[in-house]
């Protein structure tokens, strides 16, 4: 699920940059999209890690 959310985040942020924010620079869109995708990947990983840690503490 983590990889799927990351893969979906990239094109969505790219489209937001293109149409909503009107960013024309390809490198700026690339940097913003990749940063958002990596951020989603890291945040989901942290959330899953906390869930596993909490579950281990309960056992």
C-alpha atoms as a PDB file:
ATOM      1  CA  UNK A   1       0.000   0.000   0.000  1.00  0.00           C
ATOM      2  CA  UNK A   2       2.885   2.323   0.783  1.00  0.00           C
ATOM      3  CA  UNK A   3       4.320   2.030  -2.716  1.00  0.00           C
ATOM      4  CA  UNK A   4       0.899   2.437  -4.330  1.00  0.00           C
ATOM      5  CA  UNK A   5       0.239   5.694  -2.486  1.00  0.00           C
ATOM      6  CA  UNK A   6       3.669   6.956  -3.505  1.00  0.00           C
ATOM      7  CA  UNK A   7       3.069   6.038  -7.144  1.00  0.00           C
ATOM      8  CA  UNK A   8      -0.317   7.794  -7.133  1.00  0.00           C
ATOM      9  CA  UNK A   9       0.997  10.886  -5.332  1.00  0.00           C
ATOM     10  CA  UNK A  10       3.599  11.691  -7.984  1.00  0.00           C
ATOM     11  CA  UNK A  11       1.267  12.253 -10.985  1.00  0.00           C
ATOM     12  CA  UNK A  12      -1.395  13.948  -8.863  1.00  0.00           C
ATOM     13  CA  UNK A  13       1.086  16.513  -7.533  1.00  0.00           C
ATOM     14  CA  UNK A  14       2.497  16.938 -11.049  1.00  0.00           C
ATOM     15  CA  UNK A  15      -0.984  17.794 -12.350  1.00  0.00           C
ATOM     16  CA  UNK A  16      -1.638  20.144  -9.453  1.00  0.00           C
ATOM     17  CA  UNK A  17       1.623  21.938 -10.202  1.00  0.00           C
ATOM     18  CA  UNK A  18       0.787  22.153 -13.905  1.00  0.00           C
ATOM     19  CA  UNK A  19      -2.827  23.257 -13.801  1.00  0.00           C
ATOM     20  CA  UNK A  20      -3.629  24.669 -10.369  1.00  0.00           C
ATOM     21  CA  UNK A  21      -0.328  26.370  -9.571  1.00  0.00           C
ATOM     22  CA  UNK A  22       0.556  27.127 -13.220  1.00  0.00           C
ATOM     23  CA  UNK A  23       4.205  26.107 -12.780  1.00  0.00           C
ATOM     24  CA  UNK A  24       5.804  25.858 -16.222  1.00  0.00           C
ATOM     25  CA  UNK A  25       9.293  24.763 -15.213  1.00  0.00           C
ATOM     26  CA  UNK A  26       9.677  21.019 -15.689  1.00  0.00           C
ATOM     27  CA  UNK A  27      12.469  20.744 -13.151  1.00  0.00           C
ATOM     28  CA  UNK A  28      10.420  22.565 -10.504  1.00  0.00           C
ATOM     29  CA  UNK A  29       7.451  20.238 -11.094  1.00  0.00           C
ATOM     30  CA  UNK A  30       9.779  17.246 -10.936  1.00  0.00           C
ATOM     31  CA  UNK A  31      11.349  18.379  -7.673  1.00  0.00           C
ATOM     32  CA  UNK A  32       8.012  19.178  -6.031  1.00  0.00           C
ATOM     33  CA  UNK A  33       6.385  15.931  -7.205  1.00  0.00           C
ATOM     34  CA  UNK A  34       9.279  13.741  -6.107  1.00  0.00           C
ATOM     35  CA  UNK A  35       9.472  15.481  -2.747  1.00  0.00           C
ATOM     36  CA  UNK A  36       5.754  14.923  -2.163  1.00  0.00           C
ATOM     37  CA  UNK A  37       5.995  11.266  -3.173  1.00  0.00           C
ATOM     38  CA  UNK A  38       8.973  10.660  -0.883  1.00  0.00           C
ATOM     39  CA  UNK A  39       7.219  12.477   1.950  1.00  0.00           C
ATOM     40  CA  UNK A  40       4.145  10.257   1.569  1.00  0.00           C
ATOM     41  CA  UNK A  41       6.367   7.155   1.559  1.00  0.00           C
ATOM     42  CA  UNK A  42       8.165   8.242   4.731  1.00  0.00           C
ATOM     43  CA  UNK A  43       5.000   9.286   6.575  1.00  0.00           C
ATOM     44  CA  UNK A  44       3.227   6.006   5.809  1.00  0.00           C
ATOM     45  CA  UNK A  45       6.343   4.108   6.925  1.00  0.00           C
ATOM     46  CA  UNK A  46       6.442   6.018  10.206  1.00  0.00           C
ATOM     47  CA  UNK A  47       2.753   5.351  10.785  1.00  0.00           C
ATOM     48  CA  UNK A  48       3.182   1.615  10.148  1.00  0.00           C
ATOM     49  CA  UNK A  49       6.231   1.543  12.406  1.00  0.00           C
ATOM     50  CA  UNK A  50       4.299   3.148  15.243  1.00  0.00           C
ATOM     51  CA  UNK A  51       1.453   0.672  14.782  1.00  0.00           C
ATOM     52  CA  UNK A  52       3.861  -2.273  14.938  1.00  0.00           C
ATOM     53  CA  UNK A  53       5.611  -0.825  17.958  1.00  0.00           C
ATOM     54  CA  UNK A  54       2.327  -0.251  19.764  1.00  0.00           C
ATOM     55  CA  UNK A  55       1.178  -3.784  18.950  1.00  0.00           C
ATOM     56  CA  UNK A  56       4.452  -5.253  20.273  1.00  0.00           C
ATOM     57  CA  UNK A  57       4.117  -3.288  23.491  1.00  0.00           C
ATOM     58  CA  UNK A  58       0.611  -4.652  24.065  1.00  0.00           C
ATOM     59  CA  UNK A  59       1.784  -8.265  23.718  1.00  0.00           C
END
